[in-house]
N, C-alpha and C. Protein backbone atom coordinates (compact mmCIF):
# COMPACT_ATOMS: atom_id res chain seq x y z
N MET A 1 105.08 81.83 87.01
CA MET A 1 104.51 82.04 88.32
C MET A 1 105.62 82.68 89.18
N ALA A 2 105.13 83.42 90.18
CA ALA A 2 106.15 84.13 91.27
C ALA A 2 106.82 83.51 92.50
N ASP A 3 107.76 83.94 92.72
CA ASP A 3 108.44 83.25 93.83
C ASP A 3 107.82 83.82 95.17
N LEU A 4 108.00 83.30 96.09
CA LEU A 4 107.25 83.61 97.49
C LEU A 4 108.61 84.49 98.13
N VAL A 5 108.25 85.73 98.52
CA VAL A 5 109.40 86.62 99.04
C VAL A 5 109.00 86.51 100.68
N ASP A 6 109.84 85.74 101.44
CA ASP A 6 109.76 85.67 102.52
C ASP A 6 111.17 85.66 103.55
N THR A 7 112.06 86.44 103.00
CA THR A 7 113.25 86.88 103.98
C THR A 7 113.57 88.06 103.62
N VAL A 8 114.49 88.91 104.66
CA VAL A 8 115.04 90.18 104.25
C VAL A 8 115.81 90.32 102.96
N ASP A 9 116.47 89.12 102.38
CA ASP A 9 117.36 89.33 101.42
C ASP A 9 116.49 89.04 100.13
N ALA A 10 115.39 88.44 100.29
CA ALA A 10 114.27 88.13 99.02
C ALA A 10 113.82 89.64 98.98
N ILE A 11 113.45 90.19 100.02
CA ILE A 11 112.70 91.69 99.91
C ILE A 11 113.43 92.66 99.24
N ARG A 12 114.84 92.40 99.52
CA ARG A 12 115.77 93.41 98.82
C ARG A 12 115.81 93.27 97.44
N VAL A 13 115.87 92.08 97.13
CA VAL A 13 115.95 91.75 95.53
C VAL A 13 114.59 92.27 94.79
N PHE A 14 113.65 91.86 95.59
CA PHE A 14 112.24 92.05 95.07
C PHE A 14 111.93 93.66 94.95
N VAL A 15 112.39 94.20 95.81
CA VAL A 15 112.39 95.78 95.95
C VAL A 15 113.23 96.63 94.49
N ASP A 16 114.48 96.20 94.65
CA ASP A 16 115.02 96.42 93.29
C ASP A 16 114.41 96.21 92.02
N GLY A 17 113.72 95.27 92.03
CA GLY A 17 113.18 94.70 90.70
C GLY A 17 112.04 95.61 90.47
N LEU A 18 111.46 96.53 91.58
CA LEU A 18 110.22 97.13 91.26
C LEU A 18 110.35 98.62 90.72
N PHE A 19 111.33 99.14 90.90
CA PHE A 19 111.64 100.52 90.21
C PHE A 19 111.96 100.58 88.77
N ASN A 20 111.52 101.69 88.14
CA ASN A 20 111.71 101.83 86.68
C ASN A 20 110.87 100.83 85.93
N LEU A 21 109.74 100.48 86.60
CA LEU A 21 108.87 99.75 85.75
C LEU A 21 108.01 100.60 84.85
N PRO A 22 107.46 100.16 83.76
CA PRO A 22 106.41 100.72 83.13
C PRO A 22 105.11 101.24 83.79
N ASN A 23 104.64 102.46 83.64
CA ASN A 23 103.67 102.99 84.05
C ASN A 23 102.36 102.79 83.55
N ASN A 24 102.31 102.68 82.20
CA ASN A 24 101.14 102.64 81.45
C ASN A 24 101.36 101.65 80.29
N PRO A 25 100.51 100.19 80.52
CA PRO A 25 99.75 100.17 81.47
C PRO A 25 100.73 99.84 82.89
N PRO A 26 100.10 99.92 84.08
CA PRO A 26 100.61 99.70 85.53
C PRO A 26 101.11 98.35 85.32
N SER A 27 102.41 98.43 86.14
CA SER A 27 103.32 97.24 86.33
C SER A 27 102.72 96.57 87.69
N LEU A 28 102.30 97.29 88.80
CA LEU A 28 102.12 96.55 89.93
C LEU A 28 100.45 96.10 90.22
N TYR A 29 100.54 94.77 90.14
CA TYR A 29 98.92 94.60 90.60
C TYR A 29 98.94 93.80 91.86
N ILE A 30 98.39 94.19 92.84
CA ILE A 30 98.39 93.81 94.24
C ILE A 30 97.15 93.45 94.90
N ASP A 31 97.21 92.25 95.58
CA ASP A 31 96.00 91.74 96.15
C ASP A 31 96.68 91.40 97.87
N ILE A 32 95.97 91.61 98.73
CA ILE A 32 96.21 91.33 100.02
C ILE A 32 94.95 90.31 100.52
N GLU A 33 95.84 88.96 101.27
CA GLU A 33 94.64 87.99 101.87
C GLU A 33 94.90 88.13 103.28
N GLY A 34 93.59 87.91 103.77
CA GLY A 34 93.62 87.68 105.21
C GLY A 34 91.98 87.54 105.55
N VAL A 35 91.59 87.44 106.91
CA VAL A 35 90.36 87.19 107.36
C VAL A 35 89.69 88.68 107.81
N ASN A 36 88.75 88.74 106.98
CA ASN A 36 87.82 90.17 107.31
C ASN A 36 88.73 91.16 107.23
N LEU A 37 89.54 91.37 106.28
CA LEU A 37 90.45 92.44 106.09
C LEU A 37 89.66 94.13 106.23
N LEU A 38 89.86 94.26 107.27
CA LEU A 38 89.21 95.62 107.70
C LEU A 38 90.33 96.50 108.52
N ARG A 39 89.82 97.47 109.20
CA ARG A 39 90.91 98.30 110.16
C ARG A 39 91.48 97.54 110.88
N HIS A 40 90.57 96.95 111.79
CA HIS A 40 91.34 96.24 112.75
C HIS A 40 91.53 94.52 112.76
N SER A 41 91.76 94.34 111.43
CA SER A 41 92.29 92.99 110.99
C SER A 41 93.65 92.84 110.92
N SER A 42 94.01 91.77 110.80
CA SER A 42 95.59 91.60 110.39
C SER A 42 95.78 91.09 108.99
N ILE A 43 96.75 91.17 108.18
CA ILE A 43 97.06 90.66 106.89
C ILE A 43 97.81 89.18 107.45
N SER A 44 97.13 88.18 106.78
CA SER A 44 97.61 86.91 107.19
C SER A 44 98.39 85.99 106.29
N ILE A 45 98.45 86.62 104.80
CA ILE A 45 99.00 85.94 103.72
C ILE A 45 100.64 85.96 103.78
N LEU A 46 101.21 87.17 104.47
CA LEU A 46 102.26 87.62 104.73
C LEU A 46 102.58 87.91 106.35
N GLN A 47 103.62 87.74 106.64
CA GLN A 47 104.20 88.26 108.05
C GLN A 47 104.59 89.69 107.66
N LEU A 48 103.77 91.05 108.18
CA LEU A 48 104.27 92.05 108.02
C LEU A 48 105.02 92.79 109.11
N LEU A 49 106.31 92.83 108.81
CA LEU A 49 107.14 93.37 109.45
C LEU A 49 107.44 94.55 109.05
N ASP A 50 107.94 95.57 109.91
CA ASP A 50 108.45 96.98 109.41
C ASP A 50 109.52 96.62 108.47
N GLN A 51 110.26 95.79 108.55
CA GLN A 51 111.38 95.48 107.60
C GLN A 51 110.73 95.19 106.23
N ALA A 52 109.98 94.73 106.02
CA ALA A 52 109.22 94.18 104.70
C ALA A 52 108.97 95.45 104.04
N PHE A 53 108.67 96.67 104.68
CA PHE A 53 108.41 97.81 103.75
C PHE A 53 109.52 98.93 104.16
N SER A 54 110.39 98.70 104.95
CA SER A 54 111.66 99.58 105.13
C SER A 54 112.89 99.20 104.89
N THR A 55 113.06 97.87 104.40
CA THR A 55 114.43 97.26 103.81
C THR A 55 114.67 98.04 102.50
N ALA A 56 115.50 98.69 102.31
CA ALA A 56 116.12 99.40 101.02
C ALA A 56 116.86 98.12 99.98
N GLY A 57 116.47 98.27 98.85
CA GLY A 57 117.29 97.64 97.94
C GLY A 57 118.51 98.42 97.32
N ALA A 58 119.19 97.90 96.54
CA ALA A 58 120.52 98.59 96.09
C ALA A 58 120.38 100.10 95.80
N SER A 59 119.16 100.38 95.35
CA SER A 59 118.76 101.86 94.72
C SER A 59 118.36 102.88 95.94
N GLY A 60 118.17 102.09 97.27
CA GLY A 60 118.25 102.87 98.41
C GLY A 60 116.57 103.13 98.60
N GLN A 61 115.60 102.78 97.70
CA GLN A 61 114.37 102.96 97.82
C GLN A 61 113.81 101.43 98.39
N THR A 62 112.50 101.79 99.01
CA THR A 62 111.92 100.70 99.92
C THR A 62 110.49 100.21 99.12
N SER A 63 109.88 99.05 99.61
CA SER A 63 108.75 98.95 98.98
C SER A 63 107.60 100.13 99.43
N ARG A 64 107.99 100.46 100.59
CA ARG A 64 106.97 101.74 101.16
C ARG A 64 107.12 102.62 100.33
N ASP A 65 108.30 103.14 99.84
CA ASP A 65 108.46 104.19 98.80
C ASP A 65 107.45 104.02 97.55
N ILE A 66 107.54 102.86 97.10
CA ILE A 66 106.45 102.47 96.06
C ILE A 66 105.14 102.49 96.23
N LEU A 67 104.98 101.89 97.39
CA LEU A 67 103.46 101.68 97.57
C LEU A 67 102.75 103.28 97.82
N GLU A 68 103.65 103.99 98.45
CA GLU A 68 103.05 105.53 98.77
C GLU A 68 103.41 106.32 97.73
N SER A 69 103.93 106.21 96.78
CA SER A 69 104.46 106.95 95.25
C SER A 69 103.15 107.07 94.43
N SER A 70 102.70 108.44 94.34
CA SER A 70 101.69 108.46 93.40
C SER A 70 101.98 108.43 91.87
N SER A 71 103.21 108.37 91.71
CA SER A 71 103.85 108.50 90.31
C SER A 71 103.94 106.85 89.67
N ILE A 72 103.64 106.15 90.71
CA ILE A 72 103.89 104.48 90.19
C ILE A 72 102.46 103.87 90.41
N PRO A 73 101.77 103.84 89.43
CA PRO A 73 100.35 103.10 89.38
C PRO A 73 100.25 101.86 89.97
N LYS A 74 99.36 101.54 90.95
CA LYS A 74 99.33 100.21 91.45
C LYS A 74 97.77 99.78 91.28
N VAL A 75 97.56 98.63 91.02
CA VAL A 75 96.25 98.02 90.67
C VAL A 75 95.95 97.13 91.87
N PHE A 76 94.78 97.42 92.49
CA PHE A 76 94.01 96.60 93.47
C PHE A 76 92.85 95.96 93.21
N PHE A 77 92.33 95.16 93.50
CA PHE A 77 90.85 94.55 93.50
C PHE A 77 90.24 94.78 94.86
N ASP A 78 89.43 95.74 94.86
CA ASP A 78 88.64 96.28 96.11
C ASP A 78 89.74 96.86 97.22
N ILE A 79 89.75 98.22 96.91
CA ILE A 79 90.91 98.57 97.94
C ILE A 79 90.58 98.87 99.17
N THR A 80 89.08 99.00 99.40
CA THR A 80 88.62 99.14 100.57
C THR A 80 88.98 98.33 101.91
N THR A 81 89.01 97.01 101.42
CA THR A 81 89.44 95.71 102.42
C THR A 81 90.72 95.90 102.73
N GLN A 82 91.58 96.36 101.71
CA GLN A 82 93.10 96.24 101.88
C GLN A 82 93.78 97.33 102.45
N THR A 83 93.32 98.79 101.87
CA THR A 83 94.05 99.73 102.40
C THR A 83 93.90 100.07 104.06
N PRO A 84 92.91 99.73 104.66
CA PRO A 84 93.02 100.03 106.08
C PRO A 84 94.13 98.96 106.80
N SER A 85 94.11 97.68 106.37
CA SER A 85 95.17 96.76 106.97
C SER A 85 96.64 97.45 106.85
N LEU A 86 96.85 97.89 105.57
CA LEU A 86 98.33 98.27 105.28
C LEU A 86 98.70 99.79 106.16
N ALA A 87 97.48 100.69 106.41
CA ALA A 87 97.52 101.90 107.25
C ALA A 87 97.70 101.62 108.63
N ILE A 88 96.96 100.60 108.96
CA ILE A 88 97.09 100.26 110.52
C ILE A 88 98.15 99.41 110.66
N SER A 89 98.57 98.48 110.18
CA SER A 89 99.73 97.53 110.46
C SER A 89 100.91 97.89 110.03
N ALA A 90 101.09 98.98 109.07
CA ALA A 90 102.16 99.23 108.57
C ALA A 90 102.57 100.79 108.49
N SER A 91 101.44 101.34 108.75
CA SER A 91 101.58 102.87 108.60
C SER A 91 101.79 103.35 107.21
N ILE A 92 101.37 102.57 106.19
CA ILE A 92 101.31 102.87 104.55
C ILE A 92 100.28 103.45 104.18
N HIS A 93 100.47 104.67 103.38
CA HIS A 93 99.32 105.30 102.99
C HIS A 93 99.31 105.44 101.45
N LEU A 94 98.60 104.36 100.84
CA LEU A 94 98.70 103.99 99.33
C LEU A 94 98.43 105.20 98.53
N ALA A 95 99.10 105.29 97.36
CA ALA A 95 98.82 106.39 96.35
C ALA A 95 98.94 105.98 94.96
N GLY A 96 98.34 106.47 93.99
CA GLY A 96 98.66 106.03 92.63
C GLY A 96 97.77 104.79 92.37
N LEU A 97 96.61 104.81 93.09
CA LEU A 97 96.08 103.51 92.97
C LEU A 97 95.00 103.57 91.89
N HIS A 98 94.59 102.30 91.21
CA HIS A 98 93.48 101.83 90.30
C HIS A 98 92.75 100.77 91.25
N ASP A 99 91.56 100.91 91.09
CA ASP A 99 90.60 99.76 91.77
C ASP A 99 90.08 99.28 90.82
N LEU A 100 90.69 98.01 90.51
CA LEU A 100 89.99 97.11 89.37
C LEU A 100 88.61 96.74 89.44
N GLN A 101 88.10 96.48 90.84
CA GLN A 101 86.68 96.32 91.18
C GLN A 101 85.89 97.37 90.55
N LEU A 102 86.32 98.74 91.01
CA LEU A 102 85.42 99.77 90.50
C LEU A 102 85.42 99.67 89.01
N MET A 103 86.49 99.39 88.23
CA MET A 103 86.69 99.34 86.84
C MET A 103 85.66 98.48 86.48
N GLU A 104 85.59 97.24 86.86
CA GLU A 104 84.69 96.09 86.38
C GLU A 104 83.20 96.84 86.79
N LEU A 105 82.87 97.24 87.86
CA LEU A 105 81.68 97.65 88.26
C LEU A 105 81.20 98.83 87.42
N ALA A 106 81.75 99.66 87.03
CA ALA A 106 81.51 100.62 86.13
C ALA A 106 81.27 100.22 84.43
N THR A 107 81.43 98.92 84.47
CA THR A 107 81.33 98.35 83.19
C THR A 107 80.30 97.26 82.91
N ARG A 108 79.62 96.74 84.04
CA ARG A 108 78.65 95.70 84.06
C ARG A 108 77.27 96.38 84.75
N HIS A 109 76.12 95.47 84.65
CA HIS A 109 74.98 95.71 85.04
C HIS A 109 74.53 94.71 86.27
N PHE A 110 75.09 94.00 86.61
CA PHE A 110 74.52 93.06 87.91
C PHE A 110 75.42 93.18 89.06
N SER A 111 74.71 92.42 90.15
CA SER A 111 75.57 92.33 91.14
C SER A 111 76.68 91.19 91.43
N ARG A 112 77.37 91.11 92.53
CA ARG A 112 78.44 90.21 92.69
C ARG A 112 78.31 89.67 93.93
N LYS A 113 78.81 88.45 94.13
CA LYS A 113 78.54 87.55 95.40
C LYS A 113 79.96 87.91 96.04
N GLN A 114 79.95 88.00 97.46
CA GLN A 114 81.18 88.18 98.05
C GLN A 114 81.57 86.69 98.47
N ARG A 115 82.96 86.74 98.62
CA ARG A 115 83.64 85.51 98.72
C ARG A 115 84.42 85.47 100.16
N THR A 116 84.75 84.37 100.81
CA THR A 116 85.46 84.38 101.91
C THR A 116 86.54 83.17 101.76
N LYS A 117 87.76 83.67 102.42
CA LYS A 117 88.74 82.54 102.39
C LYS A 117 89.65 82.65 103.69
N CYS A 118 90.32 81.55 104.13
CA CYS A 118 91.19 81.64 105.30
C CYS A 118 92.62 81.53 104.78
N PHE A 119 93.45 82.18 105.12
CA PHE A 119 94.90 82.23 104.82
C PHE A 119 95.80 82.07 106.17
N ASN A 120 95.13 81.95 107.29
CA ASN A 120 96.36 81.87 108.46
C ASN A 120 97.17 80.57 108.64
N GLN A 121 96.65 79.67 107.96
CA GLN A 121 97.49 78.42 108.35
C GLN A 121 99.13 78.55 107.86
N ARG A 122 100.03 78.21 108.86
CA ARG A 122 101.29 78.21 108.52
C ARG A 122 101.78 76.60 108.73
N PRO A 123 102.92 76.28 107.79
CA PRO A 123 103.27 77.16 106.68
C PRO A 123 101.94 77.03 105.81
N LEU A 124 102.39 77.88 104.58
CA LEU A 124 101.24 77.87 103.64
C LEU A 124 101.02 76.84 102.85
N LEU A 125 99.82 76.17 102.84
CA LEU A 125 99.57 75.00 101.70
C LEU A 125 100.27 75.51 100.36
N PRO A 126 100.72 74.44 99.68
CA PRO A 126 101.03 74.79 98.26
C PRO A 126 100.03 75.29 97.35
N ALA A 127 98.76 74.72 97.61
CA ALA A 127 97.40 75.19 96.92
C ALA A 127 97.23 76.72 97.30
N ILE A 128 97.48 77.22 98.45
CA ILE A 128 97.31 78.57 98.70
C ILE A 128 98.33 79.55 98.12
N VAL A 129 99.64 78.84 98.16
CA VAL A 129 100.51 79.78 97.35
C VAL A 129 100.28 79.77 95.81
N ARG A 130 99.85 78.84 95.18
CA ARG A 130 99.51 79.00 93.85
C ARG A 130 98.22 79.72 93.79
N TYR A 131 97.16 79.60 94.56
CA TYR A 131 96.04 80.65 94.34
C TYR A 131 96.62 82.12 94.44
N CYS A 132 97.35 82.52 95.34
CA CYS A 132 97.95 83.79 95.55
C CYS A 132 98.63 84.25 94.31
N GLN A 133 99.47 83.27 93.65
CA GLN A 133 99.88 83.62 92.37
C GLN A 133 99.03 83.78 91.27
N GLN A 134 98.11 82.99 91.19
CA GLN A 134 96.84 83.26 90.37
C GLN A 134 96.27 84.25 90.47
N ASP A 135 96.08 84.72 91.56
CA ASP A 135 94.95 85.66 92.09
C ASP A 135 95.29 87.13 91.43
N VAL A 136 96.64 87.22 91.00
CA VAL A 136 96.97 88.52 90.41
C VAL A 136 97.26 88.30 88.83
N GLN A 137 97.44 87.17 88.54
CA GLN A 137 97.87 86.70 87.12
C GLN A 137 97.05 87.56 85.94
N PHE A 138 95.82 87.37 86.35
CA PHE A 138 94.90 87.97 84.99
C PHE A 138 94.96 89.44 85.37
N MET A 139 95.05 90.23 86.31
CA MET A 139 94.87 91.58 86.49
C MET A 139 95.28 92.41 85.54
N PRO A 140 96.58 92.30 84.75
CA PRO A 140 97.01 93.22 83.65
C PRO A 140 95.73 93.07 82.67
N GLN A 141 95.51 91.73 82.44
CA GLN A 141 94.57 91.78 81.20
C GLN A 141 93.21 92.25 81.48
N LEU A 142 92.76 92.42 82.91
CA LEU A 142 91.34 92.70 83.15
C LEU A 142 91.69 94.56 83.35
N TRP A 143 92.76 94.82 83.64
CA TRP A 143 92.87 96.37 83.67
C TRP A 143 92.78 96.72 82.14
N LEU A 144 93.44 96.18 81.46
CA LEU A 144 93.55 96.73 79.75
C LEU A 144 92.02 96.62 79.32
N HIS A 145 91.35 95.62 79.70
CA HIS A 145 90.11 95.23 79.13
C HIS A 145 88.93 96.47 79.43
N TYR A 146 89.16 96.74 80.97
CA TYR A 146 88.18 97.66 81.48
C TYR A 146 88.62 98.79 81.27
N LYS A 147 89.87 99.08 81.15
CA LYS A 147 90.46 100.37 80.58
C LYS A 147 89.91 100.93 79.27
N ALA A 148 89.87 99.91 78.41
CA ALA A 148 89.40 100.09 77.12
C ALA A 148 88.13 100.59 76.79
N LYS A 149 87.32 99.72 77.75
CA LYS A 149 85.80 100.15 77.87
C LYS A 149 85.51 101.46 78.50
N LEU A 150 86.20 102.02 79.17
CA LEU A 150 85.83 103.15 80.02
C LEU A 150 86.00 104.41 79.14
N SER A 151 84.98 105.40 79.29
CA SER A 151 84.97 106.60 78.42
C SER A 151 85.70 107.74 79.54
N PRO A 152 86.46 108.71 78.65
CA PRO A 152 87.15 109.59 79.65
C PRO A 152 86.30 109.99 80.88
N ALA A 153 84.94 110.17 80.68
CA ALA A 153 84.07 110.59 82.03
C ALA A 153 84.14 109.57 82.98
N TRP A 154 83.80 108.48 82.39
CA TRP A 154 83.66 107.29 83.66
C TRP A 154 85.12 107.05 84.13
N GLU A 155 86.36 107.30 83.44
CA GLU A 155 87.51 107.09 84.16
C GLU A 155 87.81 107.88 85.16
N ARG A 156 87.47 109.30 84.83
CA ARG A 156 87.37 110.33 85.90
C ARG A 156 86.43 109.69 87.14
N LYS A 157 85.41 109.31 86.93
CA LYS A 157 84.55 108.92 88.07
C LYS A 157 85.17 107.92 88.80
N VAL A 158 85.82 106.68 88.09
CA VAL A 158 86.34 105.92 88.77
C VAL A 158 87.66 106.14 89.80
N GLU A 159 88.35 107.01 89.02
CA GLU A 159 89.45 107.50 89.89
C GLU A 159 89.10 108.35 91.30
N LYS A 160 88.02 109.07 90.92
CA LYS A 160 87.24 109.98 92.18
C LYS A 160 87.00 108.95 93.13
N ALA A 161 86.29 107.91 92.43
CA ALA A 161 85.56 107.07 93.86
C ALA A 161 86.78 105.93 94.29
N THR A 162 87.77 106.00 93.69
CA THR A 162 88.74 105.10 94.22
C THR A 162 89.40 106.00 95.36
N ARG A 163 89.81 107.30 95.19
CA ARG A 163 90.26 108.05 96.02
C ARG A 163 89.11 108.09 97.37
N ASP A 164 88.04 108.36 96.89
CA ASP A 164 86.97 108.43 97.98
C ASP A 164 86.82 107.13 98.92
N ARG A 165 87.13 106.04 98.26
CA ARG A 165 86.89 104.57 98.98
C ARG A 165 88.13 104.70 99.86
N VAL A 166 89.37 104.87 99.26
CA VAL A 166 90.69 104.97 100.22
C VAL A 166 90.42 105.77 101.43
N ALA A 167 90.10 107.09 101.33
CA ALA A 167 89.75 107.94 102.50
C ALA A 167 88.75 107.44 103.26
N LEU A 168 87.59 106.82 103.03
CA LEU A 168 86.48 106.38 103.62
C LEU A 168 86.88 105.03 104.39
N SER A 169 87.82 104.53 103.63
CA SER A 169 88.25 103.09 104.27
C SER A 169 88.98 103.33 105.43
N GLN A 170 89.77 104.70 105.53
CA GLN A 170 90.82 104.58 106.72
C GLN A 170 90.19 105.45 107.72
N THR A 171 88.73 105.66 107.80
CA THR A 171 88.11 106.35 108.97
C THR A 171 87.89 105.49 109.99
N GLU A 172 87.65 106.03 111.18
CA GLU A 172 87.55 105.24 112.51
C GLU A 172 86.04 104.44 112.45
N THR A 173 85.27 105.04 111.76
CA THR A 173 83.91 104.76 111.52
C THR A 173 83.45 103.77 110.33
N PHE A 174 84.47 103.34 109.64
CA PHE A 174 84.25 102.46 108.20
C PHE A 174 83.73 101.03 108.88
N ILE A 175 82.86 100.68 108.17
CA ILE A 175 82.38 99.48 108.10
C ILE A 175 82.25 98.72 106.75
N GLY A 176 83.16 97.82 106.59
CA GLY A 176 83.86 97.34 105.28
C GLY A 176 82.54 96.28 104.96
N THR A 177 81.81 95.90 105.77
CA THR A 177 80.90 94.52 105.23
C THR A 177 79.50 95.02 105.03
N GLY A 178 78.62 94.42 104.29
CA GLY A 178 77.30 94.75 104.31
C GLY A 178 77.05 95.18 102.68
N LYS A 179 75.69 95.27 102.68
CA LYS A 179 74.99 95.31 101.44
C LYS A 179 75.86 96.83 100.54
N HIS A 180 75.95 97.64 101.27
CA HIS A 180 76.34 99.10 100.70
C HIS A 180 77.99 98.94 100.28
N MET A 181 78.76 97.56 100.34
CA MET A 181 79.91 97.44 100.01
C MET A 181 79.93 96.84 98.47
N VAL A 182 78.54 96.25 98.17
CA VAL A 182 78.53 95.51 96.82
C VAL A 182 78.09 96.24 95.74
N LEU A 183 77.37 97.35 96.09
CA LEU A 183 76.87 98.41 95.32
C LEU A 183 77.92 99.30 94.58
N ARG A 184 77.64 99.69 93.11
CA ARG A 184 78.47 100.52 92.61
C ARG A 184 78.29 102.00 93.05
N PRO A 185 79.16 102.82 93.30
CA PRO A 185 78.96 104.24 93.82
C PRO A 185 78.47 105.16 93.05
N TRP A 186 77.68 104.81 91.72
CA TRP A 186 76.88 105.51 90.96
C TRP A 186 75.69 105.34 90.70
């Protein structure tokens, strides 16, 4: 299980460990929790302070550098609900993204149900901390599973749809809830 990173010193150690990770398969699997994560919501599972993204490790690099790097692949599940929060709350414009939800949607033929959680209580309950740790635990295996099932043509479609979803999610008129959000883009 991962440690909870909740101090400036812990961020420095965390950031130092992120550089020079393998890129294939991706080494960074990310999930953000909050209530109705959209453009005007807040990220509630972590306190997002500027220093969380601007505190440099010994390498001089920050987590912002990692998140905005197109050469470091990062895997999210449903980036449309998460990128607006990072863009608005911390002025972070993600690059090098893989959307695990799109990969999964490209390999199945049935709809999904939406889930709602609340993560605003402080201090975090131990069960919520465990949930957050487990929430990303299986992402590497899922990425490998879906990656193996995607043909090169579908892989290109998923990559394009991921870029399109990020761009759409950061527009002023984006509506991130509704039936249109559960349909595959193809």
